[in-house]
PDB file of all heavy atoms in Angstrom:
ATOM      1  N   LYS A   1     -16.144  10.491  12.163  1.00  0.00           N
ATOM      2  CA  LYS A   1     -15.150   9.929  13.188  1.00  0.00           C
ATOM      3  C   LYS A   1     -15.504  10.340  14.557  1.00  0.00           C
ATOM      4  O   LYS A   1     -15.446   9.479  15.480  1.00  0.00           O
ATOM      5  CB  LYS A   1     -13.656  10.450  12.818  1.00  0.00           C
ATOM      6  CG  LYS A   1     -13.123   9.994  11.492  1.00  0.00           C
ATOM      7  CD  LYS A   1     -11.741  10.506  11.188  1.00  0.00           C
ATOM      8  CE  LYS A   1     -11.752  12.005  10.998  1.00  0.00           C
ATOM      9  NZ  LYS A   1     -12.561  12.409   9.864  1.00  0.00           N
ATOM     10  N   SER A   2     -15.885  11.565  14.730  1.00  0.00           N
ATOM     11  CA  SER A   2     -16.274  12.095  16.083  1.00  0.00           C
ATOM     12  C   SER A   2     -17.520  11.313  16.593  1.00  0.00           C
ATOM     13  O   SER A   2     -17.671  10.961  17.754  1.00  0.00           O
ATOM     14  CB  SER A   2     -16.516  13.588  16.142  1.00  0.00           C
ATOM     15  OG  SER A   2     -15.259  14.257  15.792  1.00  0.00           O
ATOM     16  N   THR A   3     -18.531  11.166  15.689  1.00  0.00           N
ATOM     17  CA  THR A   3     -19.768  10.539  16.066  1.00  0.00           C
ATOM     18  C   THR A   3     -19.492   9.041  16.421  1.00  0.00           C
ATOM     19  O   THR A   3     -20.057   8.545  17.414  1.00  0.00           O
ATOM     20  CB  THR A   3     -20.778  10.540  14.872  1.00  0.00           C
ATOM     21  OG1 THR A   3     -20.965  11.946  14.529  1.00  0.00           O
ATOM     22  CG2 THR A   3     -22.087   9.881  15.232  1.00  0.00           C
ATOM     23  N   LEU A   4     -18.498   8.406  15.709  1.00  0.00           N
ATOM     24  CA  LEU A   4     -18.224   7.050  16.022  1.00  0.00           C
ATOM     25  C   LEU A   4     -17.473   6.942  17.370  1.00  0.00           C
ATOM     26  O   LEU A   4     -17.844   6.031  18.188  1.00  0.00           O
ATOM     27  CB  LEU A   4     -17.318   6.435  14.935  1.00  0.00           C
ATOM     28  CG  LEU A   4     -16.802   5.012  15.129  1.00  0.00           C
ATOM     29  CD1 LEU A   4     -18.019   4.069  15.214  1.00  0.00           C
ATOM     30  CD2 LEU A   4     -15.900   4.555  14.051  1.00  0.00           C
ATOM     31  N   LEU A   5     -16.540   7.873  17.685  1.00  0.00           N
ATOM     32  CA  LEU A   5     -15.850   7.839  18.928  1.00  0.00           C
ATOM     33  C   LEU A   5     -16.977   7.933  20.095  1.00  0.00           C
ATOM     34  O   LEU A   5     -16.921   7.214  21.053  1.00  0.00           O
ATOM     35  CB  LEU A   5     -14.957   9.078  19.054  1.00  0.00           C
ATOM     36  CG  LEU A   5     -14.305   9.243  20.454  1.00  0.00           C
ATOM     37  CD1 LEU A   5     -13.288   8.056  20.767  1.00  0.00           C
ATOM     38  CD2 LEU A   5     -13.578  10.545  20.574  1.00  0.00           C
ATOM     39  N   ASN A   6     -17.875   8.907  19.929  1.00  0.00           N
ATOM     40  CA  ASN A   6     -18.910   9.064  20.912  1.00  0.00           C
ATOM     41  C   ASN A   6     -19.784   7.866  21.053  1.00  0.00           C
ATOM     42  O   ASN A   6     -20.085   7.476  22.175  1.00  0.00           O
ATOM     43  CB  ASN A   6     -19.765  10.296  20.640  1.00  0.00           C
ATOM     44  CG  ASN A   6     -18.995  11.607  20.707  1.00  0.00           C
ATOM     45  OD1 ASN A   6     -18.045  11.688  21.351  1.00  0.00           O
ATOM     46  ND2 ASN A   6     -19.587  12.591  20.007  1.00  0.00           N
ATOM     47  N   ALA A   7     -20.125   7.181  19.982  1.00  0.00           N
ATOM     48  CA  ALA A   7     -20.941   6.020  19.993  1.00  0.00           C
ATOM     49  C   ALA A   7     -20.200   4.843  20.700  1.00  0.00           C
ATOM     50  O   ALA A   7     -20.794   4.115  21.507  1.00  0.00           O
ATOM     51  CB  ALA A   7     -21.255   5.546  18.591  1.00  0.00           C
ATOM     52  N   LEU A   8     -18.918   4.688  20.478  1.00  0.00           N
ATOM     53  CA  LEU A   8     -18.106   3.641  21.055  1.00  0.00           C
ATOM     54  C   LEU A   8     -17.997   3.837  22.542  1.00  0.00           C
ATOM     55  O   LEU A   8     -18.065   2.880  23.386  1.00  0.00           O
ATOM     56  CB  LEU A   8     -16.785   3.536  20.428  1.00  0.00           C
ATOM     57  CG  LEU A   8     -16.759   2.917  19.014  1.00  0.00           C
ATOM     58  CD1 LEU A   8     -15.323   3.222  18.373  1.00  0.00           C
ATOM     59  CD2 LEU A   8     -16.991   1.423  19.068  1.00  0.00           C
ATOM     60  N   LEU A   9     -17.867   5.117  23.000  1.00  0.00           N
ATOM     61  CA  LEU A   9     -17.726   5.498  24.383  1.00  0.00           C
ATOM     62  C   LEU A   9     -19.091   5.382  25.167  1.00  0.00           C
ATOM     63  O   LEU A   9     -19.057   5.275  26.362  1.00  0.00           O
ATOM     64  CB  LEU A   9     -17.087   6.852  24.587  1.00  0.00           C
ATOM     65  CG  LEU A   9     -15.631   7.059  24.062  1.00  0.00           C
ATOM     66  CD1 LEU A   9     -15.257   8.483  24.162  1.00  0.00           C
ATOM     67  CD2 LEU A   9     -14.688   6.197  24.919  1.00  0.00           C
ATOM     68  N   GLY A  10     -20.148   5.587  24.461  1.00  0.00           N
ATOM     69  CA  GLY A  10     -21.423   5.691  24.996  1.00  0.00           C
ATOM     70  C   GLY A  10     -21.753   7.006  25.652  1.00  0.00           C
ATOM     71  O   GLY A  10     -22.754   7.122  26.472  1.00  0.00           O
ATOM     72  N   GLU A  11     -20.952   7.991  25.310  1.00  0.00           N
ATOM     73  CA  GLU A  11     -21.235   9.362  25.830  1.00  0.00           C
ATOM     74  C   GLU A  11     -20.559  10.298  24.883  1.00  0.00           C
ATOM     75  O   GLU A  11     -19.641   9.993  24.133  1.00  0.00           O
ATOM     76  CB  GLU A  11     -20.713   9.604  27.271  1.00  0.00           C
ATOM     77  CG  GLU A  11     -19.191   9.372  27.417  1.00  0.00           C
ATOM     78  CD  GLU A  11     -18.716   9.593  28.802  1.00  0.00           C
ATOM     79  OE1 GLU A  11     -18.860  10.739  29.330  1.00  0.00           O
ATOM     80  OE2 GLU A  11     -18.415   8.581  29.498  1.00  0.00           O
ATOM     81  N   LYS A  12     -20.963  11.604  24.915  1.00  0.00           N
ATOM     82  CA  LYS A  12     -20.446  12.574  24.026  1.00  0.00           C
ATOM     83  C   LYS A  12     -19.137  13.189  24.541  1.00  0.00           C
ATOM     84  O   LYS A  12     -19.151  13.839  25.596  1.00  0.00           O
ATOM     85  CB  LYS A  12     -21.475  13.766  23.764  1.00  0.00           C
ATOM     86  CG  LYS A  12     -20.912  14.845  22.747  1.00  0.00           C
ATOM     87  CD  LYS A  12     -21.977  15.784  22.453  1.00  0.00           C
ATOM     88  CE  LYS A  12     -21.521  16.859  21.469  1.00  0.00           C
ATOM     89  NZ  LYS A  12     -22.505  17.894  21.141  1.00  0.00           N
ATOM     90  N   LEU A  13     -18.086  12.983  23.841  1.00  0.00           N
ATOM     91  CA  LEU A  13     -16.763  13.492  24.186  1.00  0.00           C
ATOM     92  C   LEU A  13     -16.274  14.448  23.202  1.00  0.00           C
ATOM     93  O   LEU A  13     -15.720  15.496  23.480  1.00  0.00           O
ATOM     94  CB  LEU A  13     -15.765  12.361  24.438  1.00  0.00           C
ATOM     95  CG  LEU A  13     -14.528  12.684  25.282  1.00  0.00           C
ATOM     96  CD1 LEU A  13     -14.963  13.047  26.765  1.00  0.00           C
ATOM     97  CD2 LEU A  13     -13.623  11.473  25.350  1.00  0.00           C
ATOM     98  N   ALA A  14     -16.482  14.079  21.890  1.00  0.00           N
ATOM     99  CA  ALA A  14     -15.969  14.938  20.778  1.00  0.00           C
ATOM    100  C   ALA A  14     -17.181  15.730  20.233  1.00  0.00           C
ATOM    101  O   ALA A  14     -18.310  15.180  20.104  1.00  0.00           O
ATOM    102  CB  ALA A  14     -15.352  13.994  19.728  1.00  0.00           C
ATOM    103  N   ILE A  15     -16.916  16.979  19.896  1.00  0.00           N
ATOM    104  CA  ILE A  15     -17.975  17.796  19.241  1.00  0.00           C
ATOM    105  C   ILE A  15     -18.172  17.287  17.785  1.00  0.00           C
ATOM    106  O   ILE A  15     -17.309  16.760  17.231  1.00  0.00           O
ATOM    107  CB  ILE A  15     -17.696  19.252  19.307  1.00  0.00           C
ATOM    108  CG1 ILE A  15     -16.472  19.647  18.343  1.00  0.00           C
ATOM    109  CG2 ILE A  15     -17.423  19.676  20.726  1.00  0.00           C
ATOM    110  CD1 ILE A  15     -16.230  21.132  18.248  1.00  0.00           C
ATOM    111  N   THR A  16     -19.477  17.514  17.391  1.00  0.00           N
ATOM    112  CA  THR A  16     -19.871  17.078  16.022  1.00  0.00           C
ATOM    113  C   THR A  16     -20.512  18.205  15.267  1.00  0.00           C
ATOM    114  O   THR A  16     -21.091  19.110  15.827  1.00  0.00           O
ATOM    115  CB  THR A  16     -20.686  15.846  16.021  1.00  0.00           C
ATOM    116  OG1 THR A  16     -21.927  16.223  16.813  1.00  0.00           O
ATOM    117  CG2 THR A  16     -20.022  14.572  16.718  1.00  0.00           C
ATOM    118  N   SER A  17     -20.485  18.144  13.991  1.00  0.00           N
ATOM    119  CA  SER A  17     -21.096  19.120  13.106  1.00  0.00           C
ATOM    120  C   SER A  17     -21.265  18.612  11.765  1.00  0.00           C
ATOM    121  O   SER A  17     -20.489  17.754  11.316  1.00  0.00           O
ATOM    122  CB  SER A  17     -20.205  20.425  13.099  1.00  0.00           C
ATOM    123  OG  SER A  17     -20.631  21.307  12.031  1.00  0.00           O
ATOM    124  N   ALA A  18     -22.259  19.075  11.033  1.00  0.00           N
ATOM    125  CA  ALA A  18     -22.392  18.711   9.569  1.00  0.00           C
ATOM    126  C   ALA A  18     -21.330  19.316   8.665  1.00  0.00           C
ATOM    127  O   ALA A  18     -21.144  18.898   7.554  1.00  0.00           O
ATOM    128  CB  ALA A  18     -23.791  19.136   9.085  1.00  0.00           C
ATOM    129  N   LYS A  19     -20.636  20.311   9.250  1.00  0.00           N
ATOM    130  CA  LYS A  19     -19.585  21.017   8.507  1.00  0.00           C
ATOM    131  C   LYS A  19     -18.288  20.237   8.534  1.00  0.00           C
ATOM    132  O   LYS A  19     -17.959  19.525   9.563  1.00  0.00           O
ATOM    133  CB  LYS A  19     -19.383  22.409   8.988  1.00  0.00           C
ATOM    134  CG  LYS A  19     -20.556  23.345   8.810  1.00  0.00           C
ATOM    135  CD  LYS A  19     -20.312  24.757   9.328  1.00  0.00           C
ATOM    136  CE  LYS A  19     -21.479  25.690   9.137  1.00  0.00           C
ATOM    137  NZ  LYS A  19     -22.569  25.374   9.910  1.00  0.00           N
ATOM    138  N   VAL A  20     -17.487  20.281   7.512  1.00  0.00           N
ATOM    139  CA  VAL A  20     -16.157  19.602   7.473  1.00  0.00           C
ATOM    140  C   VAL A  20     -15.201  20.308   8.460  1.00  0.00           C
ATOM    141  O   VAL A  20     -15.357  21.469   8.768  1.00  0.00           O
ATOM    142  CB  VAL A  20     -15.618  19.527   6.082  1.00  0.00           C
ATOM    143  CG1 VAL A  20     -16.515  18.743   5.211  1.00  0.00           C
ATOM    144  CG2 VAL A  20     -15.350  20.888   5.515  1.00  0.00           C
ATOM    145  N   GLN A  21     -14.146  19.585   8.841  1.00  0.00           N
ATOM    146  CA  GLN A  21     -13.048  20.109   9.572  1.00  0.00           C
ATOM    147  C   GLN A  21     -13.519  20.634  11.000  1.00  0.00           C
ATOM    148  O   GLN A  21     -12.951  21.665  11.497  1.00  0.00           O
ATOM    149  CB  GLN A  21     -12.264  21.233   8.828  1.00  0.00           C
ATOM    150  CG  GLN A  21     -11.562  20.729   7.612  1.00  0.00           C
ATOM    151  CD  GLN A  21     -10.928  21.909   6.829  1.00  0.00           C
ATOM    152  OE1 GLN A  21     -10.368  22.825   7.360  1.00  0.00           O
ATOM    153  NE2 GLN A  21     -10.876  21.736   5.478  1.00  0.00           N
ATOM    154  N   THR A  22     -14.442  20.027  11.578  1.00  0.00           N
ATOM    155  CA  THR A  22     -14.883  20.341  12.900  1.00  0.00           C
ATOM    156  C   THR A  22     -13.870  19.991  13.917  1.00  0.00           C
ATOM    157  O   THR A  22     -13.538  20.743  14.844  1.00  0.00           O
ATOM    158  CB  THR A  22     -16.284  19.695  13.280  1.00  0.00           C
ATOM    159  OG1 THR A  22     -17.171  20.028  12.239  1.00  0.00           O
ATOM    160  CG2 THR A  22     -16.754  20.158  14.618  1.00  0.00           C
ATOM    161  N   THR A  23     -13.253  18.763  13.746  1.00  0.00           N
ATOM    162  CA  THR A  23     -12.251  18.185  14.712  1.00  0.00           C
ATOM    163  C   THR A  23     -10.911  18.892  14.316  1.00  0.00           C
ATOM    164  O   THR A  23     -10.423  18.640  13.252  1.00  0.00           O
ATOM    165  CB  THR A  23     -12.223  16.704  14.661  1.00  0.00           C
ATOM    166  OG1 THR A  23     -13.549  16.216  15.021  1.00  0.00           O
ATOM    167  CG2 THR A  23     -11.157  16.138  15.639  1.00  0.00           C
ATOM    168  N   ARG A  24     -10.235  19.453  15.265  1.00  0.00           N
ATOM    169  CA  ARG A  24      -8.936  20.046  15.108  1.00  0.00           C
ATOM    170  C   ARG A  24      -7.898  19.402  15.944  1.00  0.00           C
ATOM    171  O   ARG A  24      -6.737  19.669  15.775  1.00  0.00           O
ATOM    172  CB  ARG A  24      -8.928  21.533  15.380  1.00  0.00           C
ATOM    173  CG  ARG A  24      -9.815  22.299  14.371  1.00  0.00           C
ATOM    174  CD  ARG A  24      -9.947  23.812  14.855  1.00  0.00           C
ATOM    175  NE  ARG A  24     -10.781  24.621  13.916  1.00  0.00           N
ATOM    176  CZ  ARG A  24     -11.111  25.859  14.128  1.00  0.00           C
ATOM    177  NH1 ARG A  24     -10.752  26.461  15.221  1.00  0.00           N
ATOM    178  NH2 ARG A  24     -11.839  26.479  13.206  1.00  0.00           N
ATOM    179  N   HIS A  25      -8.278  18.672  16.938  1.00  0.00           N
ATOM    180  CA  HIS A  25      -7.341  18.044  17.873  1.00  0.00           C
ATOM    181  C   HIS A  25      -7.549  16.545  17.899  1.00  0.00           C
ATOM    182  O   HIS A  25      -8.535  16.041  17.463  1.00  0.00           O
ATOM    183  CB  HIS A  25      -7.562  18.560  19.339  1.00  0.00           C
ATOM    184  CG  HIS A  25      -7.505  20.056  19.445  1.00  0.00           C
ATOM    185  ND1 HIS A  25      -6.348  20.672  19.833  1.00  0.00           N
ATOM    186  CD2 HIS A  25      -8.438  20.997  19.369  1.00  0.00           C
ATOM    187  CE1 HIS A  25      -6.556  21.995  19.936  1.00  0.00           C
ATOM    188  NE2 HIS A  25      -7.854  22.180  19.584  1.00  0.00           N
ATOM    189  N   ARG A  26      -6.545  15.868  18.384  1.00  0.00           N
ATOM    190  CA  ARG A  26      -6.655  14.489  18.679  1.00  0.00           C
ATOM    191  C   ARG A  26      -7.342  14.353  20.037  1.00  0.00           C
ATOM    192  O   ARG A  26      -6.903  14.877  20.985  1.00  0.00           O
ATOM    193  CB  ARG A  26      -5.273  13.758  18.752  1.00  0.00           C
ATOM    194  CG  ARG A  26      -5.417  12.255  19.052  1.00  0.00           C
ATOM    195  CD  ARG A  26      -4.064  11.637  19.148  1.00  0.00           C
ATOM    196  NE  ARG A  26      -4.140  10.244  19.470  1.00  0.00           N
ATOM    197  CZ  ARG A  26      -3.107   9.428  19.604  1.00  0.00           C
ATOM    198  NH1 ARG A  26      -1.863   9.957  19.495  1.00  0.00           N
ATOM    199  NH2 ARG A  26      -3.227   8.183  19.899  1.00  0.00           N
ATOM    200  N   ILE A  27      -8.495  13.624  20.102  1.00  0.00           N
ATOM    201  CA  ILE A  27      -9.238  13.440  21.326  1.00  0.00           C
ATOM    202  C   ILE A  27      -9.278  11.979  21.711  1.00  0.00           C
ATOM    203  O   ILE A  27      -9.826  11.123  20.951  1.00  0.00           O
ATOM    204  CB  ILE A  27     -10.683  13.973  21.177  1.00  0.00           C
ATOM    205  CG1 ILE A  27     -10.570  15.483  20.815  1.00  0.00           C
ATOM    206  CG2 ILE A  27     -11.530  13.729  22.430  1.00  0.00           C
ATOM    207  CD1 ILE A  27     -11.969  16.096  20.413  1.00  0.00           C
ATOM    208  N   LYS A  28      -8.732  11.686  22.921  1.00  0.00           N
ATOM    209  CA  LYS A  28      -8.661  10.277  23.303  1.00  0.00           C
ATOM    210  C   LYS A  28      -9.838   9.966  24.278  1.00  0.00           C
ATOM    211  O   LYS A  28     -10.078  10.719  25.207  1.00  0.00           O
ATOM    212  CB  LYS A  28      -7.343   9.950  24.041  1.00  0.00           C
ATOM    213  CG  LYS A  28      -6.084  10.130  23.183  1.00  0.00           C
ATOM    214  CD  LYS A  28      -4.874   9.579  23.999  1.00  0.00           C
ATOM    215  CE  LYS A  28      -3.586  10.042  23.326  1.00  0.00           C
ATOM    216  NZ  LYS A  28      -3.183  11.355  23.638  1.00  0.00           N
ATOM    217  N   GLY A  29     -10.526   8.885  24.017  1.00  0.00           N
ATOM    218  CA  GLY A  29     -11.506   8.347  24.996  1.00  0.00           C
ATOM    219  C   GLY A  29     -11.010   7.065  25.540  1.00  0.00           C
ATOM    220  O   GLY A  29     -10.371   6.266  24.783  1.00  0.00           O
ATOM    221  N   ILE A  30     -11.270   6.753  26.837  1.00  0.00           N
ATOM    222  CA  ILE A  30     -10.758   5.563  27.480  1.00  0.00           C
ATOM    223  C   ILE A  30     -11.811   4.694  27.939  1.00  0.00           C
ATOM    224  O   ILE A  30     -12.776   5.154  28.679  1.00  0.00           O
ATOM    225  CB  ILE A  30      -9.827   5.936  28.692  1.00  0.00           C
ATOM    226  CG1 ILE A  30      -8.750   6.918  28.193  1.00  0.00           C
ATOM    227  CG2 ILE A  30      -9.176   4.758  29.365  1.00  0.00           C
ATOM    228  CD1 ILE A  30      -8.082   7.675  29.319  1.00  0.00           C
ATOM    229  N   ILE A  31     -11.849   3.467  27.568  1.00  0.00           N
ATOM    230  CA  ILE A  31     -12.889   2.442  28.031  1.00  0.00           C
ATOM    231  C   ILE A  31     -12.043   1.377  28.752  1.00  0.00           C
ATOM    232  O   ILE A  31     -11.170   0.705  28.278  1.00  0.00           O
ATOM    233  CB  ILE A  31     -13.569   1.771  26.858  1.00  0.00           C
ATOM    234  CG1 ILE A  31     -14.308   2.811  25.933  1.00  0.00           C
ATOM    235  CG2 ILE A  31     -14.580   0.792  27.331  1.00  0.00           C
ATOM    236  CD1 ILE A  31     -14.822   2.272  24.681  1.00  0.00           C
TER     237      ILE A  31
END
């Protein structure tokens, strides 16, 4: 999910990791 958000935005906004449960917050990106 975080990798997809970053890809859609065209920049890194959400942190990513190979480990599960990296994302703990809702992170909004605006286009």
